[in-house]
């Protein structure tokens, strides 16, 4: 299961994930707070990626979680 999740993370098209999540958020507001302990190296990398996308890092984390639980909405990579 972990390998499948990791494979999904590496094949995500971040722009597509953010677009899909923004569309979802238009009709579904966040109503839950999550508190997590994450190594600072991971958060630093997430913040770096979010800066390049010009979005808050919490939105990036939420969009990735959204994409992981909605794999059918992700574009499929062509088989090689």
Protein backbone atom coordinates (compact mmCIF):
# COMPACT_ATOMS: atom_id res chain seq x y z
CA UNK A 1 0.00 0.00 0.00
CA UNK A 2 2.78 2.43 0.90
CA UNK A 3 4.53 1.81 -2.44
CA UNK A 4 1.31 2.59 -4.32
CA UNK A 5 0.90 5.87 -2.43
CA UNK A 6 4.52 6.84 -3.04
CA UNK A 7 4.18 6.02 -6.74
CA UNK A 8 1.08 8.23 -6.92
CA UNK A 9 2.95 11.09 -5.26
CA UNK A 10 5.81 10.92 -7.75
CA UNK A 11 3.55 10.80 -10.80
CA UNK A 12 1.23 13.65 -9.79
CA UNK A 13 0.95 16.63 -12.07
CA UNK A 14 1.03 19.35 -9.40
CA UNK A 15 -0.74 21.96 -11.52
CA UNK A 16 -3.57 19.53 -12.23
CA UNK A 17 -3.80 18.54 -8.56
CA UNK A 18 -4.04 22.19 -7.49
CA UNK A 19 -6.68 22.92 -10.14
CA UNK A 20 -8.80 19.91 -9.13
CA UNK A 21 -8.51 20.81 -5.46
CA UNK A 22 -9.49 24.43 -6.11
CA UNK A 23 -12.61 23.23 -7.94
CA UNK A 24 -13.43 20.92 -5.03
CA UNK A 25 -12.92 23.74 -2.51
CA UNK A 26 -15.38 25.94 -4.39
CA UNK A 27 -18.16 23.70 -3.08
CA UNK A 28 -16.60 22.15 0.04
CA UNK A 29 -15.20 24.31 2.81
CA UNK A 30 -12.57 23.01 5.23
CA UNK A 31 -14.10 22.28 8.61
CA UNK A 32 -11.45 20.17 10.33
CA UNK A 33 -8.09 21.01 11.87
CA UNK A 34 -5.28 18.46 11.81
CA UNK A 35 -2.25 18.66 14.06
CA UNK A 36 0.77 16.63 12.91
CA UNK A 37 4.41 16.20 13.79
CA UNK A 38 6.48 16.13 10.61
CA UNK A 39 10.26 16.31 10.26
CA UNK A 40 11.35 19.86 9.49
CA UNK A 41 13.15 18.70 6.33
CA UNK A 42 9.83 17.61 4.86
CA UNK A 43 8.03 20.82 5.79
CA UNK A 44 10.94 22.87 4.44
CA UNK A 45 10.68 21.04 1.10
CA UNK A 46 6.88 21.44 1.02
CA UNK A 47 7.27 25.17 1.70
CA UNK A 48 9.86 25.42 -1.07
CA UNK A 49 7.52 23.73 -3.55
CA UNK A 50 4.57 25.86 -2.44
CA UNK A 51 6.64 29.03 -2.92
CA UNK A 52 7.37 28.05 -6.52
CA UNK A 53 3.61 27.49 -7.07
CA UNK A 54 2.71 30.74 -5.23
CA UNK A 55 0.27 29.00 -2.87
CA UNK A 56 0.20 28.52 0.93
CA UNK A 57 1.95 25.34 2.01
CA UNK A 58 -1.16 24.15 3.87
CA UNK A 59 -3.09 24.29 0.60
CA UNK A 60 -0.39 22.24 -1.09
CA UNK A 61 -0.58 19.59 1.63
CA UNK A 62 -4.39 19.54 1.40
CA UNK A 63 -4.33 19.25 -2.38
CA UNK A 64 -1.90 16.32 -2.27
CA UNK A 65 -4.07 14.54 0.32
CA UNK A 66 -7.13 15.23 -1.84
CA UNK A 67 -5.39 13.74 -4.87
CA UNK A 68 -4.35 10.63 -2.93
CA UNK A 69 -7.92 9.85 -1.89
CA UNK A 70 -9.35 10.67 -5.33
CA UNK A 71 -7.05 8.74 -7.69
CA UNK A 72 -9.80 8.40 -10.34
CA UNK A 73 -9.71 12.15 -10.92
CA UNK A 74 -5.99 12.13 -11.73
CA UNK A 75 -4.86 11.98 -15.35
CA UNK A 76 -3.45 8.56 -16.24
CA UNK A 77 0.11 8.28 -17.51
CA UNK A 78 0.39 6.46 -20.81
CA UNK A 79 1.76 2.93 -20.63
CA UNK A 80 5.25 2.60 -22.03
